[in-house]
Amino acid sequence: MAVVDALDDDAIPGARAVRTWRLAQHLMKLGDQVPVGPGTPRCTVAASALYAADQLLSRKHLTQEQVAAAASTIVPTSRNRIARYSRELIDAYEAEHGTDDPGVGRRENDEPAYSKLLYQLSRASNTNEIEGRVSVAALTNDPKFMEDIDGRAESSFNPRDVYFPDYDATQLREILENRRDAFRQDALEDDVIPLVAAFAAQSHGDARKAIDLFRGAGDLADERGDEVVTEDHVRDSQEEIDKDRSLKLVEGLTTQKKISLYATAAVAHHSNRTGSSVPSPVGFKVYQWVTNELDADQMTRETYVKYVKELSTYGLISTSRKSRGRGGGMYMEFTFTGDPEAMMTRIVDDTRLEGIAQQEELLSSVVNAQLKEFHEG
């Protein structure tokens, strides 16, 4: 960054300078996605990223005047611009990571733990310490596996990507046909295996889960005393799998995560607006109301966002980052993959939330008042 060169040599201590610069680079990437300062000279946004990075780290070394003066040696800018854009960049960071503390979790630009291992393995044949050739294969479901690894590791490993698509319905039928002998002869209706394969292909393309569904349909027929496994058994088994999965996930959550999920689901369910997406600021306001009603501990906004974002890894919700327009900052938007009302019903099994469930009309008014303030205020 040219702005760094324009600062006084002792503006940021040496060890801290590297960390600040790397965090500023990450903020620049987030700013490009939002975007922050469209049409503004790149140098001004870079200077704002540098100031924002300094503010996010534990000890502050830079002032807005100092950064604006350094940037102005390259392109005219102002303290107000640095203040505005740095705030937007910090909002973008919070929306992306659920916190304004770069020390929480692995930082975006840190080298992954497997980077050094890939480098060492891919060069093992050249060390003369191992006889023969060494081949390295990395199997992963993560499309970002190669991001942020050390340049030497990337150059030395230099992999050829081989993609394995999910099983389709025809392939799953072949796999399930090989499991037919687990059932008595004539115990399966002709449409059972095609239906199991179709459900699995549409949902996940996973052979193990298809076999689980197949077995579950047979178990259900046994429990009911039926001699033949039918399509109804398959459909009921699929319904139980979906229900059991979400119930187990909810039951395993901490009380605070249940409250966060309940408040978010309440916004999606009670909203009078088109669509059921939940802006994180609204979800947090409803979460605050619920915790006040319960006289429960209240987490920060960053912790609430982090809890709800974690639920996306379970497939309960999906998340996306949104902008409120120029100067309006960033926020997360949550969308339920299933019925939010059913989710609320399951969470109410936690007896502490029964009182809230009995105040449905009041909860609905709180939700819509917060949505109105967010969209029109």
Protein backbone atom coordinates (compact mmCIF):
# COMPACT_ATOMS: atom_id res chain seq x y z
CA MET A 1 0.00 0.00 0.00
CA ALA A 2 1.38 3.38 -1.02
CA VAL A 3 -0.36 4.91 2.02
CA VAL A 4 1.90 2.88 4.33
CA ASP A 5 4.99 4.30 2.62
CA ALA A 6 3.60 7.83 3.08
CA LEU A 7 3.30 7.41 6.86
CA ASP A 8 6.16 8.29 9.21
CA ASP A 9 8.58 5.38 9.64
CA ASP A 10 7.70 4.96 13.32
CA ALA A 11 3.92 5.36 12.90
CA ILE A 12 3.35 1.63 13.39
CA PRO A 13 5.90 -0.63 15.17
CA GLY A 14 7.58 -3.18 12.91
CA ALA A 15 5.91 -6.40 14.14
CA ARG A 16 2.52 -4.71 14.35
CA ALA A 17 2.92 -3.15 10.88
CA VAL A 18 2.85 -6.54 9.12
CA ARG A 19 -0.29 -7.62 10.94
CA THR A 20 -2.00 -4.28 10.27
CA TRP A 21 -1.08 -4.41 6.59
CA ARG A 22 -2.43 -7.97 6.18
CA LEU A 23 -5.69 -7.12 7.95
CA ALA A 24 -6.04 -4.00 5.78
CA GLN A 25 -5.63 -6.18 2.67
CA HIS A 26 -8.45 -8.42 3.91
CA LEU A 27 -10.64 -5.37 4.58
CA MET A 28 -9.98 -4.16 1.03
CA LYS A 29 -11.30 -7.48 -0.32
CA LEU A 30 -14.44 -7.16 1.81
CA GLY A 31 -14.81 -3.54 0.67
CA ASP A 32 -14.71 -4.64 -2.97
CA GLN A 33 -17.53 -7.11 -2.35
CA VAL A 34 -19.89 -4.64 -0.63
CA PRO A 35 -18.77 -2.27 -2.25
CA VAL A 36 -17.37 0.49 -0.03
CA GLY A 37 -16.74 3.90 -1.58
CA PRO A 38 -17.73 3.12 -5.20
CA GLY A 39 -16.27 5.78 -7.48
CA THR A 40 -13.89 6.96 -4.75
CA PRO A 41 -10.14 6.93 -5.52
CA ARG A 42 -8.65 3.58 -4.59
CA CYS A 43 -6.07 5.25 -2.40
CA THR A 44 -8.77 6.76 -0.16
CA VAL A 45 -10.40 3.36 0.40
CA ALA A 46 -6.95 1.82 1.04
CA ALA A 47 -6.21 4.50 3.61
CA SER A 48 -9.58 3.82 5.26
CA ALA A 49 -8.79 0.09 5.33
CA LEU A 50 -5.45 0.82 6.99
CA TYR A 51 -7.11 2.99 9.66
CA ALA A 52 -9.90 0.40 10.16
CA ALA A 53 -7.32 -2.38 10.58
CA ASP A 54 -5.50 -0.33 13.22
CA GLN A 55 -8.79 0.25 15.06
CA LEU A 56 -9.70 -3.45 15.00
CA LEU A 57 -6.41 -4.50 16.56
CA SER A 58 -5.82 -4.26 20.30
CA ARG A 59 -3.58 -1.16 20.52
CA LYS A 60 -4.26 1.92 18.39
CA HIS A 61 -1.36 3.66 16.70
CA LEU A 62 -3.00 5.80 14.01
CA THR A 63 -5.32 8.81 14.01
CA GLN A 64 -7.72 9.79 11.25
CA GLU A 65 -5.81 13.03 10.67
CA GLN A 66 -2.53 11.11 10.37
CA VAL A 67 -3.93 8.67 7.79
CA ALA A 68 -5.78 11.36 5.83
CA ALA A 69 -2.58 13.45 5.64
CA ALA A 70 -0.57 10.47 4.39
CA ALA A 71 -3.19 9.59 1.76
CA SER A 72 -3.46 13.23 0.64
CA THR A 73 0.17 13.13 -0.48
CA ILE A 74 -1.06 10.74 -3.19
CA VAL A 75 -4.65 11.87 -3.84
CA PRO A 76 -6.71 14.58 -2.08
CA THR A 77 -8.93 13.15 0.65
CA SER A 78 -10.37 14.16 4.02
CA ARG A 79 -10.63 13.01 7.60
CA ASN A 80 -14.42 12.64 7.19
CA ARG A 81 -14.00 10.24 4.29
CA ILE A 82 -11.51 8.15 6.21
CA ALA A 83 -13.93 8.04 9.18
CA ARG A 84 -16.95 7.08 7.04
CA TYR A 85 -15.30 4.42 4.90
CA SER A 86 -13.38 2.88 7.80
CA ARG A 87 -16.66 2.50 9.68
CA GLU A 88 -18.23 0.77 6.67
CA LEU A 89 -15.23 -1.56 6.40
CA ILE A 90 -15.45 -2.46 10.10
CA ASP A 91 -19.18 -3.15 9.63
CA ALA A 92 -18.32 -5.40 6.69
CA TYR A 93 -15.78 -7.24 8.85
CA GLU A 94 -18.32 -7.74 11.66
CA ALA A 95 -20.94 -8.98 9.18
CA GLU A 96 -18.48 -11.45 7.66
CA HIS A 97 -16.98 -12.80 10.89
CA GLY A 98 -19.68 -12.14 13.51
CA THR A 99 -17.20 -10.18 15.63
CA ASP A 100 -14.99 -7.09 15.53
CA ASP A 101 -12.12 -8.95 17.19
CA PRO A 102 -9.55 -10.26 14.69
CA GLY A 103 -8.18 -12.43 17.48
CA VAL A 104 -11.31 -14.64 17.51
CA GLY A 105 -10.78 -17.76 15.39
CA ARG A 106 -8.37 -18.06 12.50
CA ARG A 107 -7.74 -14.83 10.67
CA GLU A 108 -8.59 -14.81 7.00
CA ASN A 109 -5.04 -14.39 5.79
CA ASP A 110 -3.34 -16.85 8.16
CA GLU A 111 -1.59 -19.77 6.46
CA PRO A 112 -3.61 -23.00 6.90
CA ALA A 113 -2.07 -25.66 9.12
CA TYR A 114 -1.77 -28.11 6.22
CA SER A 115 0.24 -25.69 4.03
CA LYS A 116 3.62 -26.73 5.43
CA LEU A 117 2.68 -30.41 5.28
CA LEU A 118 1.78 -30.13 1.58
CA TYR A 119 5.10 -28.44 0.88
CA GLN A 120 7.11 -31.09 2.73
CA LEU A 121 5.28 -34.05 1.19
CA SER A 122 5.38 -32.70 -2.36
CA ARG A 123 9.16 -32.22 -2.08
CA ALA A 124 9.92 -35.43 -0.17
CA SER A 125 11.36 -37.17 -3.23
CA ASN A 126 13.91 -34.39 -3.70
CA THR A 127 15.35 -34.59 -0.18
CA ASN A 128 17.20 -37.88 -0.79
CA GLU A 129 15.80 -39.10 2.53
CA ILE A 130 13.10 -41.27 0.94
CA GLU A 131 13.66 -43.92 -1.70
CA GLY A 132 11.26 -43.99 -4.60
CA ARG A 133 8.60 -41.46 -5.59
CA VAL A 134 6.05 -39.82 -3.34
CA SER A 135 2.59 -39.05 -4.69
CA VAL A 136 0.33 -36.67 -2.77
CA ALA A 137 -3.46 -36.68 -3.07
CA ALA A 138 -5.68 -34.34 -1.06
CA LEU A 139 -9.35 -35.32 -0.75
CA THR A 140 -11.67 -32.53 0.39
CA ASN A 141 -15.21 -31.19 0.13
CA ASP A 142 -13.90 -27.65 0.64
CA PRO A 143 -13.72 -25.69 -2.65
CA LYS A 144 -11.46 -23.12 -0.94
CA PHE A 145 -8.92 -25.72 0.14
CA MET A 146 -6.06 -24.12 -1.80
CA GLU A 147 -6.81 -20.53 -0.77
CA ASP A 148 -4.28 -18.72 1.43
CA ILE A 149 -1.68 -21.51 1.41
CA ASP A 150 1.95 -20.44 1.22
CA GLY A 151 3.16 -19.62 -2.30
CA ARG A 152 5.96 -22.19 -2.08
CA ALA A 153 3.51 -24.93 -1.11
CA GLU A 154 1.15 -24.03 -3.94
CA SER A 155 4.00 -24.05 -6.48
CA SER A 156 5.50 -27.31 -5.22
CA PHE A 157 2.20 -29.19 -4.82
CA ASN A 158 0.63 -27.83 -8.05
CA PRO A 159 -2.32 -30.26 -8.00
CA ARG A 160 -4.55 -31.38 -10.83
CA ASP A 161 -8.16 -31.05 -9.76
CA VAL A 162 -10.38 -34.11 -10.11
CA TYR A 163 -14.05 -33.58 -9.28
CA PHE A 164 -16.35 -36.35 -8.04
CA PRO A 165 -19.99 -35.43 -8.62
CA ASP A 166 -22.81 -36.60 -6.34
CA TYR A 167 -24.49 -39.87 -7.24
CA ASP A 168 -27.50 -39.46 -9.50
CA ALA A 169 -30.74 -41.44 -9.21
CA THR A 170 -29.63 -44.13 -11.70
CA GLN A 171 -26.36 -44.78 -9.86
CA LEU A 172 -28.14 -44.87 -6.50
CA ARG A 173 -30.65 -47.39 -7.85
CA GLU A 174 -27.77 -49.68 -8.86
CA ILE A 175 -26.23 -49.39 -5.39
CA LEU A 176 -29.56 -50.10 -3.68
CA GLU A 177 -30.29 -53.08 -5.92
CA ASN A 178 -27.15 -54.66 -4.48
CA ARG A 179 -28.72 -54.30 -1.03
CA ARG A 180 -32.00 -55.95 -2.01
CA ASP A 181 -30.85 -59.24 -0.49
CA ALA A 182 -31.14 -57.65 2.98
CA PHE A 183 -34.92 -58.08 2.56
CA ARG A 184 -36.98 -61.21 2.19
CA GLN A 185 -37.97 -62.19 -1.32
CA ASP A 186 -41.02 -60.24 -2.51
CA ALA A 187 -40.83 -57.96 0.55
CA LEU A 188 -40.31 -54.83 -1.58
CA GLU A 189 -42.84 -53.13 -3.83
CA ASP A 190 -41.39 -52.40 -7.28
CA ASP A 191 -41.37 -48.61 -6.72
CA VAL A 192 -39.55 -48.64 -3.37
CA ILE A 193 -35.96 -48.62 -4.63
CA PRO A 194 -36.64 -45.99 -7.37
CA LEU A 195 -38.33 -43.75 -4.79
CA VAL A 196 -35.48 -44.07 -2.27
CA ALA A 197 -32.99 -43.29 -5.06
CA ALA A 198 -35.03 -40.26 -6.16
CA PHE A 199 -35.25 -38.86 -2.61
CA ALA A 200 -31.52 -39.33 -2.07
CA ALA A 201 -30.54 -37.86 -5.45
CA GLN A 202 -32.66 -34.75 -4.86
CA SER A 203 -31.45 -34.20 -1.28
CA HIS A 204 -27.77 -35.05 -1.16
CA GLY A 205 -26.57 -37.68 -3.65
CA ASP A 206 -25.03 -39.60 -0.75
CA ALA A 207 -25.05 -43.41 -1.04
CA ARG A 208 -24.72 -43.98 2.72
CA LYS A 209 -27.75 -41.81 3.45
CA ALA A 210 -29.71 -43.54 0.69
CA ILE A 211 -28.97 -46.91 2.32
CA ASP A 212 -30.02 -45.50 5.71
CA LEU A 213 -33.35 -44.40 4.21
CA PHE A 214 -33.79 -47.81 2.58
CA ARG A 215 -33.13 -49.58 5.89
CA GLY A 216 -35.37 -47.11 7.76
CA ALA A 217 -38.30 -47.92 5.46
CA GLY A 218 -37.82 -51.62 6.21
CA ASP A 219 -37.62 -50.99 9.95
CA LEU A 220 -40.83 -48.97 9.79
CA ALA A 221 -42.64 -51.81 7.98
CA ASP A 222 -41.45 -54.26 10.68
CA GLU A 223 -42.64 -51.96 13.48
CA ARG A 224 -46.07 -51.75 11.90
CA GLY A 225 -46.26 -55.48 11.28
CA ASP A 226 -46.50 -55.02 7.49
CA GLU A 227 -45.31 -57.86 5.26
CA VAL A 228 -44.31 -55.62 2.35
CA VAL A 229 -42.30 -52.38 2.26
CA THR A 230 -44.26 -49.74 0.32
CA GLU A 231 -43.80 -46.19 -0.95
CA ASP A 232 -45.63 -44.95 2.14
CA HIS A 233 -42.98 -46.52 4.35
CA VAL A 234 -40.27 -44.71 2.36
CA ARG A 235 -42.05 -41.36 2.59
CA ASP A 236 -42.72 -41.76 6.31
CA SER A 237 -39.11 -42.83 6.91
CA GLN A 238 -37.83 -39.75 5.06
CA GLU A 239 -40.13 -37.54 7.15
CA GLU A 240 -38.84 -39.10 10.38
CA ILE A 241 -35.22 -38.66 9.32
CA ASP A 242 -35.79 -34.94 8.64
CA LYS A 243 -37.70 -34.49 11.91
CA ASP A 244 -35.23 -36.43 14.03
CA ARG A 245 -32.29 -34.54 12.57
CA SER A 246 -33.69 -31.09 13.35
CA LEU A 247 -34.97 -32.20 16.77
CA LYS A 248 -31.59 -33.60 17.74
CA LEU A 249 -29.87 -30.44 16.59
CA VAL A 250 -32.20 -28.19 18.56
CA GLU A 251 -32.08 -30.36 21.66
CA GLY A 252 -28.29 -30.19 21.65
CA LEU A 253 -28.13 -26.39 21.57
CA THR A 254 -27.29 -24.30 24.62
CA THR A 255 -30.04 -22.14 26.10
CA GLN A 256 -28.53 -18.97 24.59
CA LYS A 257 -28.41 -20.53 21.13
CA LYS A 258 -32.01 -21.69 21.51
CA ILE A 259 -33.08 -18.16 22.43
CA SER A 260 -31.15 -16.73 19.47
CA LEU A 261 -32.74 -19.25 17.10
CA TYR A 262 -36.22 -18.71 18.58
CA ALA A 263 -36.00 -14.92 18.22
CA THR A 264 -34.80 -15.24 14.62
CA ALA A 265 -37.51 -17.76 13.74
CA ALA A 266 -40.11 -15.47 15.34
CA VAL A 267 -39.18 -12.66 12.95
CA ALA A 268 -39.49 -14.98 9.94
CA HIS A 269 -42.82 -16.39 11.15
CA HIS A 270 -44.56 -13.21 12.35
CA SER A 271 -43.34 -10.82 9.65
CA ASN A 272 -46.11 -9.07 7.72
CA ARG A 273 -43.68 -8.31 4.91
CA THR A 274 -43.20 -10.29 1.71
CA GLY A 275 -40.59 -13.00 2.16
CA SER A 276 -39.31 -14.45 5.39
CA SER A 277 -35.68 -13.30 5.45
CA VAL A 278 -34.52 -11.91 8.79
CA PRO A 279 -32.17 -8.87 8.95
CA SER A 280 -29.69 -9.47 11.78
CA PRO A 281 -30.35 -6.06 13.46
CA VAL A 282 -34.06 -6.95 13.71
CA GLY A 283 -33.32 -10.47 14.95
CA PHE A 284 -31.04 -9.04 17.62
CA LYS A 285 -33.66 -6.54 18.81
CA VAL A 286 -36.20 -9.36 19.18
CA TYR A 287 -33.55 -11.46 20.92
CA GLN A 288 -33.06 -8.59 23.41
CA TRP A 289 -36.81 -8.44 24.03
CA VAL A 290 -37.00 -12.20 24.62
CA THR A 291 -34.06 -12.20 27.04
CA ASN A 292 -35.60 -9.27 28.94
CA GLU A 293 -38.90 -11.14 29.22
CA LEU A 294 -37.09 -14.25 30.46
CA ASP A 295 -34.76 -12.28 32.72
CA ALA A 296 -31.96 -14.24 31.01
CA ASP A 297 -28.36 -13.25 30.34
CA GLN A 298 -28.02 -11.10 27.23
CA MET A 299 -25.20 -11.60 24.74
CA THR A 300 -23.70 -8.89 22.52
CA ARG A 301 -24.86 -8.31 18.95
CA GLU A 302 -21.66 -9.94 17.66
CA THR A 303 -22.29 -13.07 19.74
CA TYR A 304 -25.92 -13.28 18.59
CA VAL A 305 -24.83 -13.08 14.93
CA LYS A 306 -22.13 -15.69 15.55
CA TYR A 307 -24.62 -18.09 17.15
CA VAL A 308 -27.12 -17.78 14.30
CA LYS A 309 -24.41 -18.08 11.63
CA GLU A 310 -23.26 -21.32 13.28
CA LEU A 311 -26.72 -22.78 12.65
CA SER A 312 -26.11 -22.50 8.90
CA THR A 313 -23.54 -25.29 9.21
CA TYR A 314 -26.39 -27.56 10.38
CA GLY A 315 -28.55 -26.64 7.40
CA LEU A 316 -31.22 -24.98 9.55
CA ILE A 317 -30.75 -21.56 7.94
CA SER A 318 -28.83 -19.91 5.12
CA THR A 319 -26.99 -16.62 5.51
CA SER A 320 -26.01 -13.77 3.21
CA ARG A 321 -24.34 -10.41 3.69
CA LYS A 322 -26.35 -7.32 2.71
CA SER A 323 -25.67 -3.61 2.41
CA ARG A 324 -28.02 -0.81 3.43
CA GLY A 325 -26.60 1.40 0.73
CA ARG A 326 -24.04 4.16 0.76
CA GLY A 327 -23.08 4.95 4.33
CA GLY A 328 -25.70 2.56 5.72
CA GLY A 329 -23.33 -0.18 6.77
CA MET A 330 -23.53 -3.96 6.43
CA TYR A 331 -25.73 -6.58 8.06
CA MET A 332 -26.38 -10.32 7.83
CA GLU A 333 -29.65 -11.69 6.46
CA PHE A 334 -30.92 -15.08 7.67
CA THR A 335 -33.33 -17.34 5.76
CA PHE A 336 -34.81 -20.55 7.17
CA THR A 337 -34.52 -23.66 5.05
CA GLY A 338 -37.60 -25.14 6.72
CA ASP A 339 -40.74 -23.92 8.49
CA PRO A 340 -39.76 -21.32 11.14
CA GLU A 341 -43.00 -21.92 13.08
CA ALA A 342 -42.18 -25.64 13.39
CA MET A 343 -38.72 -24.68 14.63
CA MET A 344 -40.26 -22.39 17.27
CA THR A 345 -42.55 -25.20 18.42
CA ARG A 346 -39.59 -27.54 18.90
CA ILE A 347 -37.60 -24.93 20.80
CA VAL A 348 -40.51 -24.30 23.18
CA ASP A 349 -39.80 -27.74 24.61
CA ASP A 350 -37.25 -25.75 26.62
CA THR A 351 -39.62 -24.81 29.46
CA ARG A 352 -38.03 -21.35 29.88
CA LEU A 353 -39.54 -20.33 26.52
CA GLU A 354 -43.08 -21.49 27.23
CA GLY A 355 -43.97 -18.09 28.67
CA ILE A 356 -42.85 -16.33 25.49
CA ALA A 357 -44.85 -18.73 23.31
CA GLN A 358 -47.98 -17.78 25.26
CA GLN A 359 -47.46 -14.11 24.32
CA GLU A 360 -47.82 -14.70 20.57
CA GLU A 361 -49.77 -11.50 19.84
CA LEU A 362 -47.30 -9.33 21.75
CA LEU A 363 -44.34 -11.08 20.11
CA SER A 364 -45.85 -10.46 16.67
CA SER A 365 -46.27 -6.75 17.41
CA VAL A 366 -42.66 -6.49 18.63
CA VAL A 367 -41.40 -8.20 15.47
CA ASN A 368 -43.31 -5.97 13.08
CA ALA A 369 -42.47 -2.80 14.98
CA GLN A 370 -38.77 -3.63 14.71
CA LEU A 371 -39.10 -4.51 11.02
CA LYS A 372 -40.85 -1.19 10.35
CA GLU A 373 -38.14 0.75 12.19
CA PHE A 374 -35.41 -1.11 10.27
CA HIS A 375 -36.90 -0.62 6.81
CA GLU A 376 -38.51 2.80 7.22
CA GLY A 377 -36.67 4.42 10.13
